[in-house]
């Protein structure tokens, strides 16, 4: 069975693979490898004389060293446009931007799937230094632990390592050379975010509310403007705060239990989630059960390694349904208790904060989804 997504004359077929409940998609973003190879040889005429490890290391550095040259080449070859590094105006359509990202992924990504992280890393960062996804993730966990300890001593002192993958942004090409945006997530983190959305929906149904501008929103101060957004819950703002607070504590506890459960279970599992954010954003997200699974995934052979432990998405859905049912029951009971017993005149002290944003900050927020780095 097929489902069609249409934008103007642009159509994309999304087909369901019943074996693994994946979406097999018609993908229009496939870079021409011959063009990519010509660009690589332009950047380094000896590139293809190096061994694979050196090639992978160099690929990751090209974006830092030859950014303007890469853009100029691809703008000209793909779109017959002249790239101007001083022109901030986005002259590419969404479809063109995705195609550009497909080519920079083929250029800078490593291994069979041209894997590359889409998060800012230092110029000396090298994915090939990590033997597996586990080694990379453990390194990230240690980095975050040390950072938290510097800012808030004792906050992570006794926190053991569990698979830490937190929707790490990435880009890949599949075995056919088709381009996808991707995230790498631990199973516990994926479920946490799914249940977080469920929690918000339940609370909004029980206590309807909306965000409104406060009296000081937009006022100029200290060279910027005040960000003053408040919640209007028709007089039930204290009850809403209490419901949110208790529900969040419960959700944190549930997800910590799930994280520990998955860690103690040495069974390996990977889940694929495929689809489109919009007609121009093909997605292939990867959910990894635990650190034991991550030890068997290499960046150079990412999708093949994942495929070896691929499980049907129905497994995640079953866990989520069960947890969501318990979450709903808990929130409904807490909501009833708050309405009957909560005294809104007795509130914990909260330090008031004033947020001042730079004049262009809102414009910057609106552009966060634009991905234009090589």
Protein backbone atom coordinates (compact mmCIF):
# COMPACT_ATOMS: atom_id res chain seq x y z
CA UNK A 1 0.00 0.00 0.00
CA UNK A 2 1.29 3.49 -0.74
CA UNK A 3 0.65 6.95 0.64
CA UNK A 4 1.37 10.05 -1.44
CA UNK A 5 2.74 13.33 -0.12
CA UNK A 6 2.30 16.17 -2.58
CA UNK A 7 3.70 19.70 -2.75
CA UNK A 8 2.76 21.45 -5.99
CA UNK A 9 3.87 19.16 -8.79
CA UNK A 10 6.26 17.34 -6.47
CA UNK A 11 5.14 13.88 -5.41
CA UNK A 12 6.83 11.39 -3.13
CA UNK A 13 5.63 7.85 -2.58
CA UNK A 14 5.96 6.45 0.93
CA UNK A 15 5.62 2.66 0.91
CA UNK A 16 5.28 0.49 4.01
CA UNK A 17 7.53 -2.54 4.42
CA UNK A 18 5.38 -4.82 6.56
CA UNK A 19 8.33 -7.06 7.53
CA UNK A 20 10.05 -4.38 9.60
CA UNK A 21 7.32 -1.73 9.52
CA UNK A 22 9.70 0.68 7.81
CA UNK A 23 8.95 3.29 5.20
CA UNK A 24 10.59 2.54 1.85
CA UNK A 25 10.61 5.89 0.11
CA UNK A 26 11.21 7.35 -3.30
CA UNK A 27 14.12 9.69 -2.62
CA UNK A 28 15.08 12.41 -5.07
CA UNK A 29 18.30 13.44 -3.33
CA UNK A 30 21.07 11.26 -4.73
CA UNK A 31 24.45 12.89 -5.38
CA UNK A 32 26.38 12.09 -8.54
CA UNK A 33 29.49 10.36 -7.20
CA UNK A 34 31.49 11.27 -10.31
CA UNK A 35 30.92 14.95 -9.60
CA UNK A 36 31.89 14.43 -5.95
CA UNK A 37 35.07 12.62 -7.01
CA UNK A 38 36.02 15.50 -9.31
CA UNK A 39 35.59 17.90 -6.40
CA UNK A 40 37.71 15.71 -4.13
CA UNK A 41 40.49 15.66 -6.71
CA UNK A 42 40.20 19.42 -7.10
CA UNK A 43 40.72 19.82 -3.36
CA UNK A 44 43.56 17.28 -3.26
CA UNK A 45 44.85 15.80 -6.56
CA UNK A 46 46.40 12.86 -4.65
CA UNK A 47 43.24 12.06 -2.67
CA UNK A 48 42.55 8.68 -4.28
CA UNK A 49 46.13 7.52 -3.82
CA UNK A 50 45.69 7.51 -0.02
CA UNK A 51 44.46 4.55 2.02
CA UNK A 52 40.86 4.55 3.25
CA UNK A 53 41.68 5.74 6.77
CA UNK A 54 43.54 8.80 5.49
CA UNK A 55 40.78 9.54 3.00
CA UNK A 56 38.17 9.43 5.78
CA UNK A 57 40.24 11.73 7.96
CA UNK A 58 40.76 14.23 5.14
CA UNK A 59 37.09 14.22 4.15
CA UNK A 60 36.14 15.52 7.58
CA UNK A 61 38.67 18.36 7.38
CA UNK A 62 37.76 19.65 3.93
CA UNK A 63 34.70 21.48 5.24
CA UNK A 64 36.92 23.53 7.54
CA UNK A 65 39.76 24.13 5.12
CA UNK A 66 37.97 24.61 1.79
CA UNK A 67 34.50 25.80 2.73
CA UNK A 68 34.21 28.62 0.19
CA UNK A 69 35.78 26.54 -2.57
CA UNK A 70 33.32 23.69 -1.93
CA UNK A 71 30.32 25.99 -1.98
CA UNK A 72 31.47 27.78 -5.10
CA UNK A 73 31.97 24.50 -6.94
CA UNK A 74 28.61 23.00 -5.92
CA UNK A 75 26.58 26.17 -6.50
CA UNK A 76 28.01 26.38 -10.00
CA UNK A 77 27.73 22.69 -10.93
CA UNK A 78 24.35 21.97 -9.34
CA UNK A 79 22.41 25.20 -9.72
CA UNK A 80 24.38 27.40 -12.17
CA UNK A 81 24.64 29.98 -9.39
CA UNK A 82 27.52 32.07 -8.09
CA UNK A 83 28.25 31.57 -4.41
CA UNK A 84 28.89 34.76 -2.46
CA UNK A 85 30.27 34.19 1.03
CA UNK A 86 29.26 37.73 2.05
CA UNK A 87 25.64 37.35 0.94
CA UNK A 88 23.54 36.13 3.86
CA UNK A 89 20.36 35.89 1.81
CA UNK A 90 19.30 32.29 1.28
CA UNK A 91 19.04 31.95 -2.49
CA UNK A 92 18.39 28.21 -2.50
CA UNK A 93 14.96 26.61 -2.37
CA UNK A 94 14.30 23.89 0.21
CA UNK A 95 14.79 21.23 -2.43
CA UNK A 96 18.05 22.77 -3.60
CA UNK A 97 19.30 23.05 -0.03
CA UNK A 98 18.65 19.34 0.59
CA UNK A 99 20.45 18.45 -2.63
CA UNK A 100 23.41 20.60 -1.57
CA UNK A 101 23.45 18.80 1.80
CA UNK A 102 23.39 15.45 0.00
CA UNK A 103 26.54 16.40 -1.90
CA UNK A 104 28.39 17.73 1.14
CA UNK A 105 27.50 14.49 2.96
CA UNK A 106 28.95 12.43 0.09
CA UNK A 107 32.03 14.64 0.23
CA UNK A 108 32.66 14.81 4.00
CA UNK A 109 31.02 11.63 5.33
CA UNK A 110 32.94 8.46 6.13
CA UNK A 111 32.43 4.78 5.41
CA UNK A 112 29.84 2.89 3.40
CA UNK A 113 27.07 5.34 4.25
CA UNK A 114 29.07 8.58 4.11
CA UNK A 115 28.13 9.05 7.75
CA UNK A 116 28.70 12.49 9.22
CA UNK A 117 27.58 14.17 12.39
CA UNK A 118 25.60 17.34 11.81
CA UNK A 119 26.70 18.92 15.07
CA UNK A 120 29.47 21.44 15.50
CA UNK A 121 32.79 19.69 16.21
CA UNK A 122 36.30 21.05 16.47
CA UNK A 123 38.54 21.09 13.43
CA UNK A 124 40.65 18.30 14.91
CA UNK A 125 37.64 16.04 15.57
CA UNK A 126 37.93 12.67 13.79
CA UNK A 127 35.19 10.03 13.86
CA UNK A 128 37.63 7.36 12.77
CA UNK A 129 39.31 7.66 16.19
CA UNK A 130 36.34 5.81 17.71
CA UNK A 131 36.22 2.05 17.31
CA UNK A 132 32.44 1.93 17.66
CA UNK A 133 29.34 3.96 18.38
CA UNK A 134 29.77 2.87 22.01
CA UNK A 135 33.24 4.45 22.24
CA UNK A 136 31.98 7.72 20.77
CA UNK A 137 28.97 7.78 23.09
CA UNK A 138 31.05 7.00 26.19
CA UNK A 139 33.37 9.87 25.26
CA UNK A 140 30.39 12.22 24.93
CA UNK A 141 29.03 11.08 28.29
CA UNK A 142 32.36 11.74 30.00
CA UNK A 143 32.62 15.16 28.38
CA UNK A 144 29.15 16.12 29.59
CA UNK A 145 29.80 14.70 33.05
CA UNK A 146 32.93 16.79 33.44
CA UNK A 147 31.15 19.90 32.16
CA UNK A 148 28.29 19.43 34.61
CA UNK A 149 30.68 18.83 37.46
CA UNK A 150 32.45 22.10 36.72
CA UNK A 151 29.20 24.05 36.63
CA UNK A 152 27.33 22.15 39.34
CA UNK A 153 29.65 20.05 41.55
CA UNK A 154 28.12 16.77 42.66
CA UNK A 155 25.38 16.76 40.02
CA UNK A 156 26.81 13.79 38.10
CA UNK A 157 29.24 12.37 40.65
CA UNK A 158 27.43 9.07 41.11
CA UNK A 159 25.71 8.81 37.75
CA UNK A 160 26.83 5.61 35.99
CA UNK A 161 27.23 5.42 32.23
CA UNK A 162 24.21 4.22 30.37
CA UNK A 163 23.75 4.62 26.62
CA UNK A 164 23.66 8.39 26.30
CA UNK A 165 22.69 8.99 22.66
CA UNK A 166 20.47 12.05 22.74
CA UNK A 167 19.05 12.54 19.26
CA UNK A 168 22.48 13.20 17.80
CA UNK A 169 21.98 14.91 14.44
CA UNK A 170 23.60 13.15 11.51
CA UNK A 171 23.43 12.69 7.75
CA UNK A 172 23.80 9.49 5.77
CA UNK A 173 23.55 7.94 2.34
CA UNK A 174 21.98 4.51 2.00
CA UNK A 175 23.36 1.66 -0.10
CA UNK A 176 21.76 3.20 -3.21
CA UNK A 177 23.41 6.56 -2.54
CA UNK A 178 20.15 8.24 -1.46
CA UNK A 179 20.46 11.04 1.11
CA UNK A 180 18.77 11.13 4.54
CA UNK A 181 18.76 13.34 7.57
CA UNK A 182 19.11 11.19 10.67
CA UNK A 183 19.23 11.17 14.44
CA UNK A 184 20.90 8.58 16.65
CA UNK A 185 19.00 7.98 19.89
CA UNK A 186 19.06 5.57 22.77
CA UNK A 187 15.81 3.68 23.26
CA UNK A 188 15.27 5.27 26.68
CA UNK A 189 15.80 8.78 25.29
CA UNK A 190 13.47 8.14 22.36
CA UNK A 191 10.75 6.88 24.71
CA UNK A 192 11.31 9.81 27.07
CA UNK A 193 10.60 12.32 24.30
CA UNK A 194 7.58 10.39 23.08
CA UNK A 195 6.16 10.27 26.61
CA UNK A 196 7.03 13.93 27.15
CA UNK A 197 4.77 14.80 24.21
CA UNK A 198 2.08 12.51 25.61
CA UNK A 199 2.38 14.20 29.01
CA UNK A 200 1.98 17.66 27.52
CA UNK A 201 -1.12 16.63 25.56
CA UNK A 202 -2.76 15.07 28.63
CA UNK A 203 -2.07 18.09 30.82
CA UNK A 204 -3.37 20.50 28.20
CA UNK A 205 -6.59 18.49 27.99
CA UNK A 206 -7.07 18.52 31.77
CA UNK A 207 -6.12 22.18 32.24
CA UNK A 208 -6.45 24.06 28.94
CA UNK A 209 -3.87 26.83 28.63
CA UNK A 210 -2.00 28.94 26.16
CA UNK A 211 1.08 31.13 26.00
CA UNK A 212 0.44 34.88 25.87
CA UNK A 213 2.61 37.97 25.79
CA UNK A 214 3.36 39.39 29.24
CA UNK A 215 3.17 43.13 29.96
CA UNK A 216 6.91 43.63 29.34
CA UNK A 217 7.31 41.47 26.26
CA UNK A 218 9.24 43.24 23.52
CA UNK A 219 10.33 46.20 25.63
CA UNK A 220 13.78 47.54 24.84
CA UNK A 221 16.30 47.21 27.65
CA UNK A 222 20.07 46.92 27.96
CA UNK A 223 20.56 46.98 24.20
CA UNK A 224 18.08 44.14 23.65
CA UNK A 225 14.46 43.30 24.25
CA UNK A 226 12.66 41.59 27.13
CA UNK A 227 11.32 38.09 26.50
CA UNK A 228 8.15 38.00 28.62
CA UNK A 229 5.86 35.12 27.73
CA UNK A 230 3.34 33.88 30.30
CA UNK A 231 0.86 31.04 30.57
CA UNK A 232 -2.86 31.79 30.70
CA UNK A 233 -4.77 28.89 32.31
CA UNK A 234 -7.94 30.80 33.18
CA UNK A 235 -6.96 31.27 36.82
CA UNK A 236 -5.58 27.75 37.31
CA UNK A 237 -1.95 28.71 36.76
CA UNK A 238 -0.76 27.48 40.22
CA UNK A 239 -2.58 24.18 39.78
CA UNK A 240 -1.10 23.84 36.32
CA UNK A 241 2.42 24.41 37.66
CA UNK A 242 1.89 21.79 40.35
CA UNK A 243 0.51 19.27 37.87
CA UNK A 244 3.45 19.84 35.54
CA UNK A 245 5.94 19.47 38.39
CA UNK A 246 4.56 16.19 39.74
CA UNK A 247 4.10 14.74 36.26
CA UNK A 248 7.66 15.59 35.28
CA UNK A 249 9.09 13.90 38.38
CA UNK A 250 7.07 10.80 37.61
CA UNK A 251 8.18 10.76 33.98
CA UNK A 252 11.83 11.17 34.97
CA UNK A 253 11.52 8.22 37.32
CA UNK A 254 9.84 6.01 34.69
CA UNK A 255 12.49 6.73 32.07
CA UNK A 256 15.35 6.16 34.51
CA UNK A 257 13.85 2.75 35.28
CA UNK A 258 13.55 1.96 31.56
CA UNK A 259 17.13 3.08 30.96
CA UNK A 260 18.38 0.75 33.68
CA UNK A 261 16.21 -2.11 32.42
CA UNK A 262 17.58 -1.80 28.87
CA UNK A 263 21.15 -1.57 30.18
CA UNK A 264 20.86 -4.71 32.29
CA UNK A 265 19.33 -6.64 29.38
CA UNK A 266 22.28 -7.67 27.19
CA UNK A 267 19.99 -8.40 24.23
CA UNK A 268 20.85 -6.25 21.20
CA UNK A 269 18.26 -4.28 19.23
CA UNK A 270 18.13 -1.47 16.67
CA UNK A 271 15.02 0.23 15.31
CA UNK A 272 14.65 2.23 12.09
CA UNK A 273 12.16 5.07 11.73
CA UNK A 274 11.83 6.37 8.18
CA UNK A 275 9.65 9.05 6.65
CA UNK A 276 9.55 12.70 5.61
CA UNK A 277 9.48 15.84 7.75
CA UNK A 278 8.23 17.51 4.58
CA UNK A 279 8.52 16.63 0.88
CA UNK A 280 12.13 17.85 0.87
CA UNK A 281 13.38 16.24 4.10
CA UNK A 282 13.84 12.46 3.89
CA UNK A 283 14.52 11.02 7.36
CA UNK A 284 16.07 7.77 8.56
CA UNK A 285 16.29 7.87 12.34
CA UNK A 286 18.10 5.15 14.28
CA UNK A 287 17.16 4.03 17.80
CA UNK A 288 19.65 1.85 19.69
CA UNK A 289 18.54 -0.22 22.68
CA UNK A 290 21.62 -0.20 24.91
CA UNK A 291 25.40 0.12 25.13
CA UNK A 292 25.86 -3.56 24.32
CA UNK A 293 24.22 -2.94 20.94
CA UNK A 294 26.30 0.21 20.36
CA UNK A 295 29.51 -1.82 20.80
CA UNK A 296 28.67 -3.67 17.58
CA UNK A 297 28.01 -0.58 15.41
CA UNK A 298 30.86 1.09 13.52
CA UNK A 299 30.51 4.40 11.73
CA UNK A 300 32.25 2.96 8.66
CA UNK A 301 29.60 0.23 8.30
CA UNK A 302 26.70 1.91 10.09
CA UNK A 303 23.56 0.65 8.36
CA UNK A 304 24.86 -2.88 7.79
CA UNK A 305 25.81 -3.18 11.45
CA UNK A 306 22.42 -1.86 12.51
CA UNK A 307 20.66 -4.26 10.15
CA UNK A 308 22.20 -7.25 11.96
CA UNK A 309 20.22 -6.43 15.09
CA UNK A 310 17.21 -4.76 13.48
CA UNK A 311 13.92 -5.34 15.29
CA UNK A 312 10.35 -4.46 14.27
CA UNK A 313 9.17 -1.03 15.33
CA UNK A 314 6.14 -2.66 16.94
CA UNK A 315 8.39 -3.53 19.90
CA UNK A 316 8.89 0.16 20.66
CA UNK A 317 5.21 0.90 20.13
CA UNK A 318 4.23 -1.78 22.66
CA UNK A 319 6.56 -0.36 25.31
CA UNK A 320 5.34 3.16 24.60
CA UNK A 321 1.65 2.22 24.77
CA UNK A 322 2.12 0.51 28.12
CA UNK A 323 4.11 3.40 29.61
CA UNK A 324 1.74 6.01 28.16
CA UNK A 325 -1.27 4.26 29.68
CA UNK A 326 0.34 4.31 33.14
CA UNK A 327 1.40 7.93 32.64
CA UNK A 328 -2.13 8.97 31.72
CA UNK A 329 -3.58 7.18 34.74
CA UNK A 330 -1.04 8.85 37.03
CA UNK A 331 -1.64 12.36 35.68
CA UNK A 332 -5.42 12.00 35.91
CA UNK A 333 -5.16 10.88 39.55
CA UNK A 334 -2.74 13.69 40.41
CA UNK A 335 -4.98 16.21 38.67
CA UNK A 336 -7.93 15.07 40.78
CA UNK A 337 -5.85 15.33 43.96
CA UNK A 338 -4.64 18.83 43.09
CA UNK A 339 -8.13 20.14 42.42
CA UNK A 340 -9.37 18.69 45.71
CA UNK A 341 -6.47 19.29 48.07
CA UNK A 342 -3.92 21.70 46.62
CA UNK A 343 -3.65 25.11 48.28
CA UNK A 344 -2.49 27.60 45.62
CA UNK A 345 -1.71 30.20 48.30
CA UNK A 346 1.14 28.03 49.61
CA UNK A 347 3.71 28.07 46.84
CA UNK A 348 7.44 27.35 46.89
CA UNK A 349 9.66 30.38 46.39
CA UNK A 350 10.83 30.81 42.84
CA UNK A 351 13.47 33.32 41.87
CA UNK A 352 12.17 35.58 39.14
CA UNK A 353 14.26 35.68 36.00
CA UNK A 354 14.36 38.34 33.32
CA UNK A 355 15.42 37.21 29.86
CA UNK A 356 16.84 39.84 27.53
CA UNK A 357 17.37 38.86 23.91
CA UNK A 358 19.43 40.58 21.25
CA UNK A 359 17.46 42.43 18.55
CA UNK A 360 18.12 39.74 15.91
CA UNK A 361 17.58 36.75 18.19
CA UNK A 362 14.05 35.98 17.01
CA UNK A 363 15.18 36.06 13.40
CA UNK A 364 18.00 33.68 14.34
CA UNK A 365 15.53 31.29 15.98
CA UNK A 366 13.43 31.29 12.82
CA UNK A 367 16.48 30.30 10.79
CA UNK A 368 17.60 27.43 13.04
CA UNK A 369 16.24 24.85 10.65
CA UNK A 370 18.39 26.14 7.81
CA UNK A 371 21.33 23.81 7.36
CA UNK A 372 23.89 25.32 5.06
CA UNK A 373 27.30 24.25 6.31
CA UNK A 374 29.34 21.79 4.20
